[in-house]
Amino acid sequence: MYLPFLAETGSTAVLVRPDYYAFGGAADRAGLARLVAGLRAGLVAPAPSSAG
């Protein structure tokens, strides 16, 4: 299922979202670390603002 994505992007790893879409691909460990860091950054909820 993800082999065409891997071939088209030159990736050796793919990070797949829970809805089965590819979040992104990486060609090496460093790229995978950047990909995971990007995912983590996107998952962090903003701090609630205090109205006051």
C-alpha atoms as a PDB file:
ATOM      1  CA  MET A   1       0.000   0.000   0.000  1.00  0.00           C
ATOM      2  CA  TYR A   2       2.802   2.461   0.850  1.00  0.00           C
ATOM      3  CA  LEU A   3       5.399   1.033  -1.522  1.00  0.00           C
ATOM      4  CA  PRO A   4       4.514   3.482  -4.322  1.00  0.00           C
ATOM      5  CA  PHE A   5       4.911   6.396  -1.865  1.00  0.00           C
ATOM      6  CA  LEU A   6       8.289   5.074  -0.732  1.00  0.00           C
ATOM      7  CA  ALA A   7       9.446   4.620  -4.314  1.00  0.00           C
ATOM      8  CA  GLU A   8       8.224   8.052  -5.473  1.00  0.00           C
ATOM      9  CA  THR A   9       9.813   9.921  -2.564  1.00  0.00           C
ATOM     10  CA  GLY A  10      13.007   7.889  -2.263  1.00  0.00           C
ATOM     11  CA  SER A  11      12.112   7.140   1.341  1.00  0.00           C
ATOM     12  CA  THR A  12      13.001   4.050   3.339  1.00  0.00           C
ATOM     13  CA  ALA A  13      10.526   4.788   6.151  1.00  0.00           C
ATOM     14  CA  VAL A  14       7.043   6.241   6.251  1.00  0.00           C
ATOM     15  CA  LEU A  15       5.172   7.700   9.217  1.00  0.00           C
ATOM     16  CA  VAL A  16       1.499   6.809   8.874  1.00  0.00           C
ATOM     17  CA  ARG A  17      -1.315   8.729  10.561  1.00  0.00           C
ATOM     18  CA  PRO A  18      -4.137   6.865  12.341  1.00  0.00           C
ATOM     19  CA  ASP A  19      -6.393   7.561   9.341  1.00  0.00           C
ATOM     20  CA  TYR A  20      -3.845   5.701   7.155  1.00  0.00           C
ATOM     21  CA  TYR A  21      -2.584   8.762   5.285  1.00  0.00           C
ATOM     22  CA  ALA A  22       1.173   9.126   5.050  1.00  0.00           C
ATOM     23  CA  PHE A  23       2.345  11.954   7.314  1.00  0.00           C
ATOM     24  CA  GLY A  24       5.698  11.879   5.560  1.00  0.00           C
ATOM     25  CA  GLY A  25       8.672   9.838   4.548  1.00  0.00           C
ATOM     26  CA  ALA A  26      12.352   9.767   5.399  1.00  0.00           C
ATOM     27  CA  ALA A  27      15.387   8.435   3.601  1.00  0.00           C
ATOM     28  CA  ASP A  28      17.540   7.916   6.708  1.00  0.00           C
ATOM     29  CA  ARG A  29      17.559   8.000  10.512  1.00  0.00           C
ATOM     30  CA  ALA A  30      18.205  11.730  10.670  1.00  0.00           C
ATOM     31  CA  GLY A  31      15.282  12.389   8.350  1.00  0.00           C
ATOM     32  CA  LEU A  32      13.068  10.130  10.424  1.00  0.00           C
ATOM     33  CA  ALA A  33      14.061  11.994  13.590  1.00  0.00           C
ATOM     34  CA  ARG A  34      13.106  15.302  11.916  1.00  0.00           C
ATOM     35  CA  LEU A  35       9.809  13.811  10.755  1.00  0.00           C
ATOM     36  CA  VAL A  36       8.923  12.599  14.254  1.00  0.00           C
ATOM     37  CA  ALA A  37       9.942  15.962  15.723  1.00  0.00           C
ATOM     38  CA  GLY A  38       7.621  17.682  13.269  1.00  0.00           C
ATOM     39  CA  LEU A  39       4.777  15.386  14.238  1.00  0.00           C
ATOM     40  CA  ARG A  40       5.393  15.997  17.933  1.00  0.00           C
ATOM     41  CA  ALA A  41       5.439  19.753  17.397  1.00  0.00           C
ATOM     42  CA  GLY A  42       2.088  19.517  15.658  1.00  0.00           C
ATOM     43  CA  LEU A  43       0.576  17.462  18.460  1.00  0.00           C
ATOM     44  CA  VAL A  44       1.412  19.883  21.252  1.00  0.00           C
ATOM     45  CA  ALA A  45      -1.736  21.654  22.357  1.00  0.00           C
ATOM     46  CA  PRO A  46      -1.438  25.401  22.839  1.00  0.00           C
ATOM     47  CA  ALA A  47      -1.598  26.620  26.436  1.00  0.00           C
ATOM     48  CA  PRO A  48      -5.001  27.994  27.322  1.00  0.00           C
ATOM     49  CA  SER A  49      -5.061  31.754  27.596  1.00  0.00           C
ATOM     50  CA  SER A  50      -6.263  33.215  30.841  1.00  0.00           C
ATOM     51  CA  ALA A  51      -9.007  35.754  30.428  1.00  0.00           C
ATOM     52  CA  GLY A  52      -8.873  38.199  33.109  1.00  0.00           C
END
